[in-house]
Every structure is written in structure tokens, then in C-alpha cells.
Amino acid sequence: MSRHLLLVEDDASLHRGIEFTLRQEGFGVTGVYNLADARSAAAGREQAFDLIVLDVQLPDGSGFDFCAELRAGRDATPIVFLTASDTELDVVRGLDLGGDDYITKPFRLREFLSRIHAVLRRRGPSPSPAAAADEPALASGNLRLHAAEMRLLKEGIEVALSVTEFRLLSLLMTHPRAVLSKEQILRQLWQHDGAFIDDNTVAVNVRRLREKIEDDPQQPQKIVTVRGAGYKWNG
């Protein structure tokens, strides 16, 4: 079954080009041009989209707002932002809100497709119910990570994670006390597509993850920074 993406882009020419390219790659595409139609498409679809390609500047609002709404509703659908702005503030804001990647216009189609595939690989195939039931949970303190179900429980309460956050947490928890450099994390999470990713993305995702799992994110006890070396899981 092919992956189905939601494309939210108001530039008609760019929209047509992206949609054509995605369909040529075998994706199903629902294309809309504004936030109102994006909300309707997301709410009206029985099964969640596999990924959302989301323009930041739209005629009826900001793609950042739509992302925030989805994450507030515990929707973990991967989101790749498209924007004309490459300022660090905008990039960090998009990642902070729960975006999985950020592509600056104009972009090369090869890079665009590579990064779409990379985000989808991080999501991976949906496990069967039997596989999810048999998969043991990773436990550390008050956290339980159910890898097959892509679920995190903190003191029994589910914590909403983006795909990138989930992959990062899983990587750290499966390598307890090992110091992982930013470069190692990039290679593991983005594999061959790491050349397109700024290592600042790792720091942003670590900070965002700390805000969700640490009792005091300002003095983290679970994800510890090893100065000059990287991060380690203090489980």
C-alpha cells in the first residue's frame, strides 16, 4: 500500500511541481492550498496521513499554528516544513513545535525527495497488533518506551512525541551510559541523508525531548550532556 501525503502549499506552480514529483515516486497525495482545507482534510480522513508537507506562510495563517494544533491534539504525523525563510530562529521554532524537518525554498527536487524518504524511514512500517503486543517495553525510571507501538509512558501517562523525538529517545535508551556524539546521532537517525541536516537539529531535538521527559529540563538527569563529546542516557 502506497504512502499517502498531505501537501499544503499555496503557490500553484510549486504545488503542481511537488505533487507531480511525489506521484511519480509512487505516493498518494491530497493537495490543498490553505489551512482551512488542511484542517478539513486531516479531520476527515479515517486513517492518518503518513506525512504532511506544510508551507509556513499560507493565505489564512501560519503552518506553524497548524503544526501546534496537531501536536496539541497528540497527532504525531511527521511534518516537513517548506519556507522561504532560512533564519535560525524560524528553523528552531519549526522544530520546537514538533516538526520533523525544514526545507528552504528554492530547493532541489533530489534533496526534497531524499528528506521526505528519510522522515518516512524514521517512521518505519506500522507494526501488526500481534507484533506490538509481543514487543517488550524499554523501562528506565518512570519511563516506559513501547518501540513497536511508538508510545512513551511517563508515570503511566502517555507523552506525545514526534517521529524524530521517538527515534532519538529509543537510540539513547538502547545505549545506556554510552556517550553519543552529534555526528553519531545524525548518522543513526538520518543515515545517508545526514549531509542535508544541520547538527543544530540534534541539539534542538534533545532540548525538546528534555522538556517532555525530565522532571527539571534545566537540570536534566536522564539525557546528560558530556561537554565536548555529546550526550548519554543516564538510565
Protein backbone atom coordinates (compact mmCIF):
# COMPACT_ATOMS: atom_id res chain seq x y z
CA MET A 1 0.00 0.00 0.00
CA SER A 2 1.46 3.36 -1.03
CA ARG A 3 2.11 6.12 1.46
CA HIS A 4 -0.40 8.98 1.38
CA LEU A 5 0.82 12.54 1.97
CA LEU A 6 -0.98 15.80 2.65
CA LEU A 7 0.53 18.68 0.67
CA VAL A 8 -0.28 22.18 1.96
CA GLU A 9 1.21 24.80 -0.37
CA ASP A 10 -0.49 27.94 -1.74
CA ASP A 11 1.88 28.64 -4.65
CA ALA A 12 0.01 26.98 -7.53
CA SER A 13 3.08 26.40 -9.71
CA LEU A 14 5.19 24.96 -6.89
CA HIS A 15 2.23 22.92 -5.67
CA ARG A 16 1.81 21.29 -9.09
CA GLY A 17 5.52 20.55 -9.34
CA ILE A 18 5.72 18.96 -5.88
CA GLU A 19 2.54 16.95 -6.36
CA PHE A 20 3.72 15.65 -9.74
CA THR A 21 7.10 14.68 -8.29
CA LEU A 22 5.55 12.88 -5.32
CA ARG A 23 3.11 10.97 -7.52
CA GLN A 24 5.99 9.96 -9.80
CA GLU A 25 7.63 8.48 -6.70
CA GLY A 26 4.52 6.40 -6.05
CA PHE A 27 2.99 8.47 -3.25
CA GLY A 28 -0.69 9.19 -2.92
CA VAL A 29 -1.21 12.94 -2.50
CA THR A 30 -4.03 15.06 -1.13
CA GLY A 31 -3.25 18.63 -2.16
CA VAL A 32 -4.72 21.74 -0.52
CA TYR A 33 -3.84 25.43 -0.72
CA ASN A 34 -4.81 26.83 2.69
CA LEU A 35 -5.12 25.98 6.38
CA ALA A 36 -8.90 25.65 6.37
CA ASP A 37 -8.76 22.89 3.76
CA ALA A 38 -5.77 21.30 5.52
CA ARG A 39 -7.75 21.07 8.77
CA SER A 40 -10.72 19.57 6.92
CA ALA A 41 -8.51 17.04 5.12
CA ALA A 42 -6.80 15.94 8.35
CA ALA A 43 -10.08 15.71 10.30
CA GLY A 44 -12.00 13.98 7.51
CA ARG A 45 -9.50 11.20 6.82
CA GLU A 46 -10.20 7.94 8.66
CA GLN A 47 -6.54 6.92 8.66
CA ALA A 48 -3.86 9.47 9.47
CA PHE A 49 -1.67 10.76 6.66
CA ASP A 50 1.78 9.20 6.51
CA LEU A 51 3.39 12.65 6.28
CA ILE A 52 2.42 16.31 5.88
CA VAL A 53 4.37 18.67 3.62
CA LEU A 54 3.46 22.05 5.10
CA ASP A 55 4.18 25.55 3.84
CA VAL A 56 4.79 28.04 6.65
CA GLN A 57 3.23 31.14 5.03
CA LEU A 58 -0.34 30.45 3.92
CA PRO A 59 -3.14 32.86 2.93
CA ASP A 60 -5.21 32.17 6.05
CA GLY A 61 -2.48 31.74 8.65
CA SER A 62 0.79 30.07 9.57
CA GLY A 63 1.78 26.47 9.06
CA PHE A 64 3.42 26.71 12.48
CA ASP A 65 -0.04 27.18 14.01
CA PHE A 66 -1.39 24.10 12.23
CA CYS A 67 1.56 22.05 13.45
CA ALA A 68 0.99 23.26 17.01
CA GLU A 69 -2.70 22.30 16.78
CA LEU A 70 -1.87 18.80 15.60
CA ARG A 71 0.72 18.23 18.30
CA ALA A 72 -1.61 19.59 20.99
CA GLY A 73 -4.14 17.01 19.83
CA ARG A 74 -1.50 14.25 20.15
CA ASP A 75 -1.28 13.83 16.38
CA ALA A 76 2.26 12.57 15.70
CA THR A 77 2.04 12.61 11.89
CA PRO A 78 5.50 13.56 10.57
CA ILE A 79 5.65 17.16 9.33
CA VAL A 80 8.14 18.62 6.86
CA PHE A 81 8.00 22.42 6.67
CA LEU A 82 8.52 24.38 3.46
CA THR A 83 9.55 28.01 3.83
CA ALA A 84 11.27 30.90 2.11
CA SER A 85 13.00 31.84 5.37
CA ASP A 86 16.17 30.06 6.46
CA THR A 87 16.84 32.11 9.60
CA GLU A 88 17.92 30.04 12.57
CA LEU A 89 15.02 31.44 14.63
CA ASP A 90 12.45 30.09 12.17
CA VAL A 91 14.20 26.74 11.84
CA VAL A 92 14.37 26.28 15.61
CA ARG A 93 10.75 27.39 16.03
CA GLY A 94 9.57 24.83 13.50
CA LEU A 95 11.47 22.03 15.23
CA ASP A 96 10.36 23.19 18.67
CA LEU A 97 6.72 22.97 17.62
CA GLY A 98 7.18 19.34 16.65
CA GLY A 99 8.24 19.50 13.02
CA ASP A 100 10.45 16.68 11.76
CA ASP A 101 12.34 18.59 9.07
CA TYR A 102 12.58 22.02 7.47
CA ILE A 103 13.28 22.67 3.77
CA THR A 104 14.11 26.15 2.50
CA LYS A 105 12.84 27.37 -0.88
CA PRO A 106 14.11 27.18 -3.52
CA PHE A 107 15.17 23.56 -3.15
CA ARG A 108 16.46 20.80 -5.36
CA LEU A 109 13.97 18.00 -6.03
CA ARG A 110 16.61 15.38 -5.24
CA GLU A 111 17.15 16.88 -1.82
CA PHE A 112 13.40 17.29 -1.26
CA LEU A 113 12.66 13.64 -2.07
CA SER A 114 15.65 12.43 -0.08
CA ARG A 115 14.45 14.20 3.02
CA ILE A 116 10.86 13.03 2.57
CA HIS A 117 12.10 9.44 2.32
CA ALA A 118 14.36 9.95 5.34
CA VAL A 119 11.48 11.11 7.55
CA LEU A 120 9.32 8.21 6.38
CA ARG A 121 12.13 5.74 7.09
CA ARG A 122 12.34 7.08 10.62
CA ARG A 123 8.63 6.42 11.00
CA GLY A 124 9.02 2.90 9.62
CA PRO A 125 6.18 0.47 8.82
CA SER A 126 3.25 0.20 11.20
CA PRO A 127 3.60 -2.94 13.31
CA SER A 128 0.92 -5.62 13.34
CA PRO A 129 -1.14 -5.85 16.58
CA ALA A 130 0.49 -9.19 17.39
CA ALA A 131 4.00 -7.78 16.93
CA ALA A 132 3.18 -4.76 19.08
CA ALA A 133 1.87 -6.99 21.86
CA ASP A 134 4.98 -9.21 21.81
CA GLU A 135 7.50 -6.33 21.75
CA PRO A 136 8.97 -5.77 25.24
CA ALA A 137 8.93 -2.21 26.56
CA LEU A 138 12.14 -0.37 27.40
CA ALA A 139 11.93 0.76 31.02
CA SER A 140 14.02 3.42 32.71
CA GLY A 141 12.92 5.03 35.96
CA ASN A 142 9.41 6.40 35.47
CA LEU A 143 9.55 5.93 31.68
CA ARG A 144 8.35 3.02 29.57
CA LEU A 145 9.02 3.11 25.82
CA HIS A 146 6.93 0.77 23.66
CA ALA A 147 9.01 0.69 20.48
CA ALA A 148 6.64 -1.29 18.25
CA GLU A 149 3.70 0.98 19.13
CA MET A 150 5.80 4.18 19.09
CA ARG A 151 4.41 5.09 22.51
CA LEU A 152 6.07 6.62 25.57
CA LEU A 153 4.55 6.46 29.03
CA LYS A 154 5.78 8.66 31.89
CA GLU A 155 4.39 7.53 35.23
CA GLY A 156 1.70 5.70 33.27
CA ILE A 157 0.64 8.77 31.27
CA GLU A 158 1.25 8.85 27.52
CA VAL A 159 3.64 11.53 26.27
CA ALA A 160 3.22 12.74 22.67
CA LEU A 161 6.47 12.51 20.70
CA SER A 162 7.31 13.41 17.13
CA VAL A 163 8.89 10.66 15.00
CA THR A 164 12.34 12.25 15.41
CA GLU A 165 11.94 12.57 19.17
CA PHE A 166 10.87 8.94 19.42
CA ARG A 167 13.83 7.74 17.36
CA LEU A 168 16.24 9.84 19.39
CA LEU A 169 14.88 8.60 22.71
CA SER A 170 14.94 4.99 21.50
CA LEU A 171 18.57 5.39 20.38
CA LEU A 172 19.63 6.83 23.74
CA MET A 173 17.70 4.30 25.86
CA THR A 174 19.12 1.33 23.93
CA HIS A 175 22.67 2.62 24.54
CA PRO A 176 22.59 3.43 28.25
CA ARG A 177 25.62 5.37 29.54
CA ALA A 178 27.26 5.34 26.10
CA VAL A 179 28.36 8.82 25.02
CA LEU A 180 26.92 9.53 21.56
CA SER A 181 28.31 12.46 19.60
CA LYS A 182 26.09 14.70 17.47
CA GLU A 183 27.70 13.15 14.40
CA GLN A 184 26.85 9.62 15.57
CA ILE A 185 23.26 10.63 16.27
CA LEU A 186 22.97 12.25 12.85
CA ARG A 187 24.25 9.09 11.17
CA GLN A 188 21.87 6.86 13.11
CA LEU A 189 18.75 8.98 12.76
CA TRP A 190 19.24 10.39 9.26
CA GLN A 191 21.54 7.75 7.76
CA HIS A 192 22.62 8.72 4.23
CA ASP A 193 20.63 11.94 4.37
CA GLY A 194 22.66 13.44 7.19
CA ALA A 195 24.53 15.61 4.68
CA PHE A 196 21.40 17.72 4.35
CA ILE A 197 20.86 18.11 8.11
CA ASP A 198 22.44 20.77 10.33
CA ASP A 199 23.77 19.30 13.58
CA ASN A 200 21.87 22.07 15.37
CA THR A 201 18.84 19.85 14.70
CA VAL A 202 20.21 17.34 17.22
CA ALA A 203 20.53 19.97 19.95
CA VAL A 204 17.01 21.25 19.30
CA ASN A 205 15.52 17.77 19.48
CA VAL A 206 17.45 16.95 22.65
CA ARG A 207 16.16 20.13 24.29
CA ARG A 208 12.59 19.43 23.16
CA LEU A 209 12.81 15.84 24.44
CA ARG A 210 14.14 17.01 27.80
CA GLU A 211 11.14 19.32 28.17
CA LYS A 212 8.87 16.29 27.83
CA ILE A 213 10.64 13.67 29.96
CA GLU A 214 12.80 15.46 32.53
CA ASP A 215 11.38 16.49 35.90
CA ASP A 216 13.52 19.63 35.62
CA PRO A 217 14.59 20.28 31.99
CA GLN A 218 17.06 22.94 33.17
CA GLN A 219 18.92 20.31 35.21
CA PRO A 220 18.47 17.13 33.18
CA GLN A 221 19.10 13.82 34.88
CA LYS A 222 18.13 11.43 32.07
CA ILE A 223 19.74 12.94 28.95
CA VAL A 224 23.08 14.20 30.18
CA THR A 225 25.39 16.47 28.18
CA VAL A 226 29.02 15.37 28.16
CA ARG A 227 30.83 18.60 27.35
CA GLY A 228 32.78 18.44 24.13
CA ALA A 229 31.69 14.84 23.47
CA GLY A 230 27.91 14.54 23.08
CA TYR A 231 25.03 13.08 25.06
CA LYS A 232 24.42 9.97 27.13
CA TRP A 233 21.40 8.27 28.69
CA ASN A 234 21.73 8.16 32.45
CA GLY A 235 19.22 5.35 32.91
